[in-house]
C-alpha atoms as a PDB file:
ATOM      1  CA  MET A   1     173.884 219.608 140.435  1.00  0.00           C
ATOM      2  CA  LEU A   2     172.889 215.958 140.013  1.00  0.00           C
ATOM      3  CA  SER A   3     171.762 215.735 143.638  1.00  0.00           C
ATOM      4  CA  VAL A   4     169.541 218.801 143.141  1.00  0.00           C
ATOM      5  CA  ILE A   5     167.901 217.239 140.079  1.00  0.00           C
ATOM      6  CA  TRP A   6     167.448 213.971 141.964  1.00  0.00           C
ATOM      7  CA  ASN A   7     165.744 215.687 144.888  1.00  0.00           C
ATOM      8  CA  CYS A   8     163.588 218.000 142.753  1.00  0.00           C
ATOM      9  CA  THR A   9     162.303 215.264 140.435  1.00  0.00           C
ATOM     10  CA  ASP A  10     160.990 213.497 143.520  1.00  0.00           C
ATOM     11  CA  LYS A  11     158.354 216.216 143.852  1.00  0.00           C
ATOM     12  CA  SER A  12     157.927 217.836 140.443  1.00  0.00           C
ATOM     13  CA  ALA A  13     156.155 216.071 137.595  1.00  0.00           C
ATOM     14  CA  GLN A  14     156.715 219.196 135.527  1.00  0.00           C
ATOM     15  CA  LEU A  15     160.483 218.919 135.929  1.00  0.00           C
ATOM     16  CA  CYS A  16     160.298 215.225 135.070  1.00  0.00           C
ATOM     17  CA  GLU A  17     158.405 216.045 131.873  1.00  0.00           C
ATOM     18  CA  SER A  18     161.024 218.654 130.962  1.00  0.00           C
ATOM     19  CA  LEU A  19     163.794 216.100 131.439  1.00  0.00           C
ATOM     20  CA  VAL A  20     161.971 213.643 129.201  1.00  0.00           C
ATOM     21  CA  ARG A  21     161.708 216.292 126.482  1.00  0.00           C
ATOM     22  CA  GLY A  22     165.411 217.040 126.960  1.00  0.00           C
ATOM     23  CA  ALA A  23     166.380 213.418 126.232  1.00  0.00           C
ATOM     24  CA  VAL A  24     167.713 212.925 129.766  1.00  0.00           C
ATOM     25  CA  VAL A  25     166.232 209.418 129.926  1.00  0.00           C
ATOM     26  CA  HIS A  26     168.262 208.326 126.890  1.00  0.00           C
ATOM     27  CA  SER A  27     171.384 210.049 128.236  1.00  0.00           C
ATOM     28  CA  MET A  28     171.263 208.493 131.708  1.00  0.00           C
ATOM     29  CA  LEU A  29     170.455 205.028 130.419  1.00  0.00           C
ATOM     30  CA  SER A  30     173.310 205.285 127.914  1.00  0.00           C
ATOM     31  CA  GLU A  31     175.723 206.100 130.722  1.00  0.00           C
ATOM     32  CA  LEU A  32     174.369 203.245 132.836  1.00  0.00           C
ATOM     33  CA  ALA A  33     175.128 200.941 129.892  1.00  0.00           C
ATOM     34  CA  GLU A  34     178.789 201.988 129.740  1.00  0.00           C
ATOM     35  CA  ALA A  35     181.389 199.397 130.677  1.00  0.00           C
ATOM     36  CA  LYS A  36     182.906 201.604 133.392  1.00  0.00           C
ATOM     37  CA  LEU A  37     179.668 201.164 135.390  1.00  0.00           C
ATOM     38  CA  VAL A  38     178.355 197.814 134.176  1.00  0.00           C
ATOM     39  CA  GLN A  39     181.652 196.021 134.754  1.00  0.00           C
ATOM     40  CA  SER A  40     182.438 197.795 138.019  1.00  0.00           C
ATOM     41  CA  ASP A  41     181.648 196.281 141.411  1.00  0.00           C
ATOM     42  CA  LEU A  42     180.647 199.830 142.396  1.00  0.00           C
ATOM     43  CA  SER A  43     182.976 199.806 145.378  1.00  0.00           C
ATOM     44  CA  ASP A  44     184.079 203.294 144.368  1.00  0.00           C
ATOM     45  CA  GLU A  45     181.916 205.867 146.191  1.00  0.00           C
ATOM     46  CA  ASN A  46     181.687 208.215 143.233  1.00  0.00           C
ATOM     47  CA  ARG A  47     180.541 205.491 140.859  1.00  0.00           C
ATOM     48  CA  VAL A  48     177.959 204.009 143.204  1.00  0.00           C
ATOM     49  CA  TYR A  49     176.577 207.495 143.902  1.00  0.00           C
ATOM     50  CA  LEU A  50     176.341 208.156 140.166  1.00  0.00           C
ATOM     51  CA  VAL A  51     174.416 204.928 139.609  1.00  0.00           C
ATOM     52  CA  LYS A  52     172.066 205.558 142.545  1.00  0.00           C
ATOM     53  CA  ALA A  53     171.426 209.125 141.415  1.00  0.00           C
ATOM     54  CA  TYR A  54     170.724 208.144 137.803  1.00  0.00           C
ATOM     55  CA  LEU A  55     168.407 205.351 138.918  1.00  0.00           C
ATOM     56  CA  GLY A  56     166.741 207.690 141.414  1.00  0.00           C
ATOM     57  CA  VAL A  57     166.020 210.317 138.762  1.00  0.00           C
ATOM     58  CA  LEU A  58     164.819 207.680 136.295  1.00  0.00           C
ATOM     59  CA  HIS A  59     162.535 206.162 138.933  1.00  0.00           C
ATOM     60  CA  ASN A  60     161.030 209.573 139.679  1.00  0.00           C
ATOM     61  CA  ILE A  61     160.453 210.207 135.978  1.00  0.00           C
ATOM     62  CA  VAL A  62     158.755 206.902 135.213  1.00  0.00           C
ATOM     63  CA  ARG A  63     156.691 207.156 138.413  1.00  0.00           C
ATOM     64  CA  LEU A  64     155.455 210.709 137.839  1.00  0.00           C
ATOM     65  CA  CYS A  65     155.255 210.669 134.024  1.00  0.00           C
ATOM     66  CA  PRO A  66     153.320 207.574 132.899  1.00  0.00           C
ATOM     67  CA  ASP A  67     153.688 208.578 129.244  1.00  0.00           C
ATOM     68  CA  SER A  68     157.473 208.247 129.534  1.00  0.00           C
ATOM     69  CA  ARG A  69     157.235 204.443 129.443  1.00  0.00           C
ATOM     70  CA  LYS A  70     157.583 204.458 125.647  1.00  0.00           C
ATOM     71  CA  ILE A  71     160.717 206.595 125.922  1.00  0.00           C
ATOM     72  CA  PHE A  72     162.253 204.140 128.390  1.00  0.00           C
ATOM     73  CA  ARG A  73     161.519 201.207 126.139  1.00  0.00           C
ATOM     74  CA  THR A  74     162.972 202.825 123.019  1.00  0.00           C
ATOM     75  CA  ALA A  75     166.100 203.628 125.056  1.00  0.00           C
ATOM     76  CA  ASN A  76     166.535 199.900 125.864  1.00  0.00           C
ATOM     77  CA  ALA A  77     165.752 200.426 129.544  1.00  0.00           C
ATOM     78  CA  VAL A  78     164.787 196.780 130.004  1.00  0.00           C
ATOM     79  CA  GLY A  79     168.057 195.475 128.635  1.00  0.00           C
ATOM     80  CA  ILE A  80     170.159 197.975 130.579  1.00  0.00           C
ATOM     81  CA  LEU A  81     168.382 197.814 133.936  1.00  0.00           C
ATOM     82  CA  ARG A  82     168.469 194.033 134.107  1.00  0.00           C
ATOM     83  CA  LEU A  83     172.270 194.389 134.319  1.00  0.00           C
ATOM     84  CA  TYR A  84     171.777 195.978 137.749  1.00  0.00           C
ATOM     85  CA  LEU A  85     169.422 193.405 139.294  1.00  0.00           C
ATOM     86  CA  ASP A  86     172.248 191.351 140.810  1.00  0.00           C
ATOM     87  CA  ARG A  87     174.494 194.149 142.071  1.00  0.00           C
ATOM     88  CA  PRO A  88     175.690 193.848 145.667  1.00  0.00           C
ATOM     89  CA  GLN A  89     174.126 197.169 146.711  1.00  0.00           C
ATOM     90  CA  GLY A  90     170.543 196.663 147.881  1.00  0.00           C
ATOM     91  CA  LEU A  91     169.426 200.156 146.883  1.00  0.00           C
ATOM     92  CA  VAL A  92     170.806 199.726 143.366  1.00  0.00           C
ATOM     93  CA  ARG A  93     168.911 196.459 142.948  1.00  0.00           C
ATOM     94  CA  THR A  94     165.752 197.972 144.421  1.00  0.00           C
ATOM     95  CA  LYS A  95     165.734 200.990 142.120  1.00  0.00           C
ATOM     96  CA  ALA A  96     166.386 198.804 139.068  1.00  0.00           C
ATOM     97  CA  TYR A  97     163.506 196.488 140.002  1.00  0.00           C
ATOM     98  CA  LEU A  98     161.146 199.391 140.654  1.00  0.00           C
ATOM     99  CA  ILE A  99     161.862 201.101 137.324  1.00  0.00           C
ATOM    100  CA  LEU A 100     161.487 197.820 135.460  1.00  0.00           C
ATOM    101  CA  SER A 101     158.125 197.217 137.133  1.00  0.00           C
ATOM    102  CA  TYR A 102     156.803 200.337 135.371  1.00  0.00           C
ATOM    103  CA  VAL A 103     158.459 199.642 132.023  1.00  0.00           C
ATOM    104  CA  ILE A 104     158.131 195.940 131.234  1.00  0.00           C
ATOM    105  CA  SER A 105     155.526 194.437 128.935  1.00  0.00           C
ATOM    106  CA  GLU A 106     153.238 191.598 129.997  1.00  0.00           C
ATOM    107  CA  ASP A 107     155.517 189.107 128.245  1.00  0.00           C
ATOM    108  CA  GLU A 108     158.484 190.359 130.285  1.00  0.00           C
ATOM    109  CA  ASN A 109     156.737 189.908 133.636  1.00  0.00           C
ATOM    110  CA  ASP A 110     159.212 187.286 134.783  1.00  0.00           C
ATOM    111  CA  LEU A 111     162.008 189.881 134.821  1.00  0.00           C
ATOM    112  CA  ILE A 112     160.611 191.367 138.036  1.00  0.00           C
ATOM    113  CA  ASN A 113     160.304 187.966 139.718  1.00  0.00           C
ATOM    114  CA  ALA A 114     162.503 188.989 142.638  1.00  0.00           C
ATOM    115  CA  THR A 115     164.210 186.832 145.249  1.00  0.00           C
ATOM    116  CA  ASP A 116     163.213 186.605 148.910  1.00  0.00           C
ATOM    117  CA  GLU A 117     166.250 188.736 149.738  1.00  0.00           C
ATOM    118  CA  ASN A 118     165.215 191.532 147.387  1.00  0.00           C
ATOM    119  CA  ILE A 119     161.564 191.546 148.430  1.00  0.00           C
ATOM    120  CA  ALA A 120     162.534 191.509 152.117  1.00  0.00           C
ATOM    121  CA  TYR A 121     164.846 194.464 151.478  1.00  0.00           C
ATOM    122  CA  ILE A 122     162.088 196.436 149.752  1.00  0.00           C
ATOM    123  CA  VAL A 123     159.566 195.622 152.490  1.00  0.00           C
ATOM    124  CA  GLY A 124     162.201 196.793 154.973  1.00  0.00           C
ATOM    125  CA  ILE A 125     162.367 200.167 153.229  1.00  0.00           C
ATOM    126  CA  LEU A 126     158.610 200.616 153.594  1.00  0.00           C
ATOM    127  CA  CYS A 127     158.812 199.577 157.245  1.00  0.00           C
ATOM    128  CA  ASP A 128     161.545 202.144 157.915  1.00  0.00           C
ATOM    129  CA  ALA A 129     159.560 204.874 156.162  1.00  0.00           C
ATOM    130  CA  LEU A 130     156.439 204.110 158.194  1.00  0.00           C
ATOM    131  CA  ASP A 131     158.447 204.237 161.425  1.00  0.00           C
ATOM    132  CA  SER A 132     159.143 207.920 160.821  1.00  0.00           C
ATOM    133  CA  GLU A 133     156.666 210.644 161.707  1.00  0.00           C
ATOM    134  CA  ASN A 134     156.444 211.990 158.139  1.00  0.00           C
ATOM    135  CA  HIS A 135     156.669 208.548 156.506  1.00  0.00           C
ATOM    136  CA  PHE A 136     160.040 209.313 154.903  1.00  0.00           C
ATOM    137  CA  SER A 137     162.977 206.957 155.334  1.00  0.00           C
ATOM    138  CA  GLN A 138     166.130 208.960 155.962  1.00  0.00           C
ATOM    139  CA  VAL A 139     168.175 205.767 155.674  1.00  0.00           C
ATOM    140  CA  TYR A 140     166.952 204.806 152.201  1.00  0.00           C
ATOM    141  CA  ALA A 141     165.665 208.182 150.942  1.00  0.00           C
ATOM    142  CA  PHE A 142     162.224 206.838 150.044  1.00  0.00           C
ATOM    143  CA  TRP A 143     158.756 208.106 150.918  1.00  0.00           C
ATOM    144  CA  ALA A 144     156.283 205.447 152.001  1.00  0.00           C
ATOM    145  CA  LEU A 145     154.070 206.530 149.097  1.00  0.00           C
ATOM    146  CA  GLU A 146     156.649 205.879 146.399  1.00  0.00           C
ATOM    147  CA  ILE A 147     157.856 202.560 147.793  1.00  0.00           C
ATOM    148  CA  ALA A 148     154.260 201.330 148.291  1.00  0.00           C
ATOM    149  CA  CYS A 149     153.467 202.295 144.715  1.00  0.00           C
ATOM    150  CA  GLY A 150     156.536 200.394 143.538  1.00  0.00           C
ATOM    151  CA  ILE A 151     155.605 197.346 145.604  1.00  0.00           C
ATOM    152  CA  ASN A 152     152.160 197.358 143.990  1.00  0.00           C
ATOM    153  CA  HIS A 153     153.808 197.288 140.579  1.00  0.00           C
ATOM    154  CA  LEU A 154     156.121 194.443 141.610  1.00  0.00           C
ATOM    155  CA  ALA A 155     153.111 192.524 142.939  1.00  0.00           C
ATOM    156  CA  VAL A 156     151.852 192.117 139.383  1.00  0.00           C
ATOM    157  CA  ASN A 157     154.251 189.168 139.289  1.00  0.00           C
ATOM    158  CA  ASP A 158     152.502 186.171 140.834  1.00  0.00           C
ATOM    159  CA  SER A 159     155.535 184.884 142.733  1.00  0.00           C
ATOM    160  CA  ASN A 160     156.120 188.333 144.201  1.00  0.00           C
ATOM    161  CA  LYS A 161     152.561 188.309 145.548  1.00  0.00           C
ATOM    162  CA  LEU A 162     153.431 185.277 147.645  1.00  0.00           C
ATOM    163  CA  ARG A 163     156.739 186.707 148.795  1.00  0.00           C
ATOM    164  CA  LEU A 164     155.169 190.008 149.825  1.00  0.00           C
ATOM    165  CA  GLY A 165     152.496 188.243 151.853  1.00  0.00           C
ATOM    166  CA  ARG A 166     155.000 185.921 153.482  1.00  0.00           C
ATOM    167  CA  LEU A 167     157.675 188.545 154.154  1.00  0.00           C
ATOM    168  CA  GLY A 168     155.621 191.093 156.057  1.00  0.00           C
ATOM    169  CA  ALA A 169     153.942 193.475 153.613  1.00  0.00           C
ATOM    170  CA  LEU A 170     150.408 192.986 154.998  1.00  0.00           C
ATOM    171  CA  PRO A 171     150.804 194.717 158.401  1.00  0.00           C
ATOM    172  CA  LEU A 172     152.524 197.623 156.640  1.00  0.00           C
ATOM    173  CA  TYR A 173     149.589 197.982 154.275  1.00  0.00           C
ATOM    174  CA  VAL A 174     147.276 197.997 157.291  1.00  0.00           C
ATOM    175  CA  THR A 175     149.342 200.844 158.743  1.00  0.00           C
ATOM    176  CA  LEU A 176     148.893 202.743 155.473  1.00  0.00           C
ATOM    177  CA  LEU A 177     145.139 202.099 155.589  1.00  0.00           C
ATOM    178  CA  ARG A 178     145.034 203.833 158.960  1.00  0.00           C
ATOM    179  CA  SER A 179     146.964 206.832 157.661  1.00  0.00           C
ATOM    180  CA  ASN A 180     145.404 210.280 157.428  1.00  0.00           C
ATOM    181  CA  ASN A 181     146.830 210.515 153.916  1.00  0.00           C
ATOM    182  CA  VAL A 182     144.167 209.533 151.360  1.00  0.00           C
ATOM    183  CA  GLU A 183     146.784 208.635 148.740  1.00  0.00           C
ATOM    184  CA  GLU A 184     148.482 206.252 151.174  1.00  0.00           C
ATOM    185  CA  GLN A 185     145.107 204.689 151.955  1.00  0.00           C
ATOM    186  CA  SER A 186     144.363 204.217 148.258  1.00  0.00           C
ATOM    187  CA  LEU A 187     147.741 202.609 147.558  1.00  0.00           C
ATOM    188  CA  ALA A 188     147.256 200.233 150.490  1.00  0.00           C
ATOM    189  CA  ALA A 189     143.776 199.313 149.282  1.00  0.00           C
ATOM    190  CA  ALA A 190     145.079 198.665 145.777  1.00  0.00           C
ATOM    191  CA  GLY A 191     148.014 196.658 147.123  1.00  0.00           C
ATOM    192  CA  LEU A 192     145.877 194.443 149.320  1.00  0.00           C
ATOM    193  CA  TRP A 193     143.486 193.853 146.439  1.00  0.00           C
ATOM    194  CA  ILE A 194     146.381 192.789 144.178  1.00  0.00           C
ATOM    195  CA  LEU A 195     147.851 190.487 146.837  1.00  0.00           C
ATOM    196  CA  SER A 196     144.452 188.916 147.495  1.00  0.00           C
ATOM    197  CA  PHE A 197     144.555 187.252 144.087  1.00  0.00           C
ATOM    198  CA  ARG A 198     146.662 184.575 145.787  1.00  0.00           C
ATOM    199  CA  HIS A 199     144.607 182.344 148.054  1.00  0.00           C
ATOM    200  CA  GLU A 200     147.530 182.054 150.465  1.00  0.00           C
ATOM    201  CA  ASN A 201     147.405 185.813 150.997  1.00  0.00           C
ATOM    202  CA  LYS A 202     143.649 185.779 151.557  1.00  0.00           C
ATOM    203  CA  LEU A 203     144.217 183.442 154.502  1.00  0.00           C
ATOM    204  CA  LEU A 204     146.910 185.746 155.869  1.00  0.00           C
ATOM    205  CA  MET A 205     144.635 188.781 155.469  1.00  0.00           C
ATOM    206  CA  VAL A 206     141.847 187.150 157.469  1.00  0.00           C
ATOM    207  CA  ARG A 207     144.312 186.608 160.325  1.00  0.00           C
ATOM    208  CA  GLU A 208     145.940 190.056 160.057  1.00  0.00           C
ATOM    209  CA  PRO A 209     144.457 192.462 162.667  1.00  0.00           C
ATOM    210  CA  GLY A 210     142.823 195.456 161.013  1.00  0.00           C
ATOM    211  CA  CYS A 211     143.097 194.114 157.495  1.00  0.00           C
ATOM    212  CA  VAL A 212     139.663 192.735 156.661  1.00  0.00           C
ATOM    213  CA  GLU A 213     137.536 194.773 159.035  1.00  0.00           C
ATOM    214  CA  GLY A 214     139.494 197.891 158.100  1.00  0.00           C
ATOM    215  CA  GLU A 215     139.166 201.423 159.415  1.00  0.00           C
ATOM    216  CA  SER A 216     139.498 203.430 156.246  1.00  0.00           C
ATOM    217  CA  GLY A 217     136.360 202.993 154.184  1.00  0.00           C
ATOM    218  CA  PHE A 218     137.670 200.075 152.126  1.00  0.00           C
ATOM    219  CA  ASP A 219     136.001 197.363 154.221  1.00  0.00           C
ATOM    220  CA  ASP A 220     133.387 196.298 151.706  1.00  0.00           C
ATOM    221  CA  ALA A 221     135.860 196.077 148.842  1.00  0.00           C
ATOM    222  CA  PHE A 222     138.206 193.849 150.826  1.00  0.00           C
ATOM    223  CA  GLU A 223     135.492 191.641 152.244  1.00  0.00           C
ATOM    224  CA  LEU A 224     134.000 191.191 148.773  1.00  0.00           C
ATOM    225  CA  ARG A 225     137.411 190.314 147.367  1.00  0.00           C
ATOM    226  CA  LEU A 226     138.198 187.907 150.207  1.00  0.00           C
ATOM    227  CA  ASN A 227     134.900 186.022 150.007  1.00  0.00           C
END
């Protein structure tokens, strides 16, 4: 049943809204705060699946229901999710970082200051998704759209901007710009604009084939931002 909810919330904002009204956010976060999960190394398959599924559903909810941010904060999402930022499983860390990027306040920005290892892992997910014909990563169970959106949120942190530029996000954004999917194009445009606030990334963008000249109708915006 949990796997069905996880998969369906990936596509249905209406279902996500129903889960918010049904106090599912509070329930899942409460379980994630329990000692049996927090103190476990998650080597048990059932426990690691439970954590991934809960984080997956919560990520879908906060991504598709912007108004749920207040619910997450009142349920102590920040305090609970930070307990999962150093777990050995890359997907667990990634999902915790992505949810936090939607939930934190401006004063808590440093919480999403990720390491090179974590940013490289997240960039790798986007790369794998873009390598597939439908832009869905079977390995990580992420659509390029959702991981790009999450990366844009993580890029609000200034140090993450540098890491993303240095660790290979730019050519992936260029790939998204060339997509036939308008939403992917828009996310790439927004992401490049955010990254361009660091001078180091501007220099990388100028040297990245297809980035500044563009092919997707965003040329003027990028050139204006890079000048």
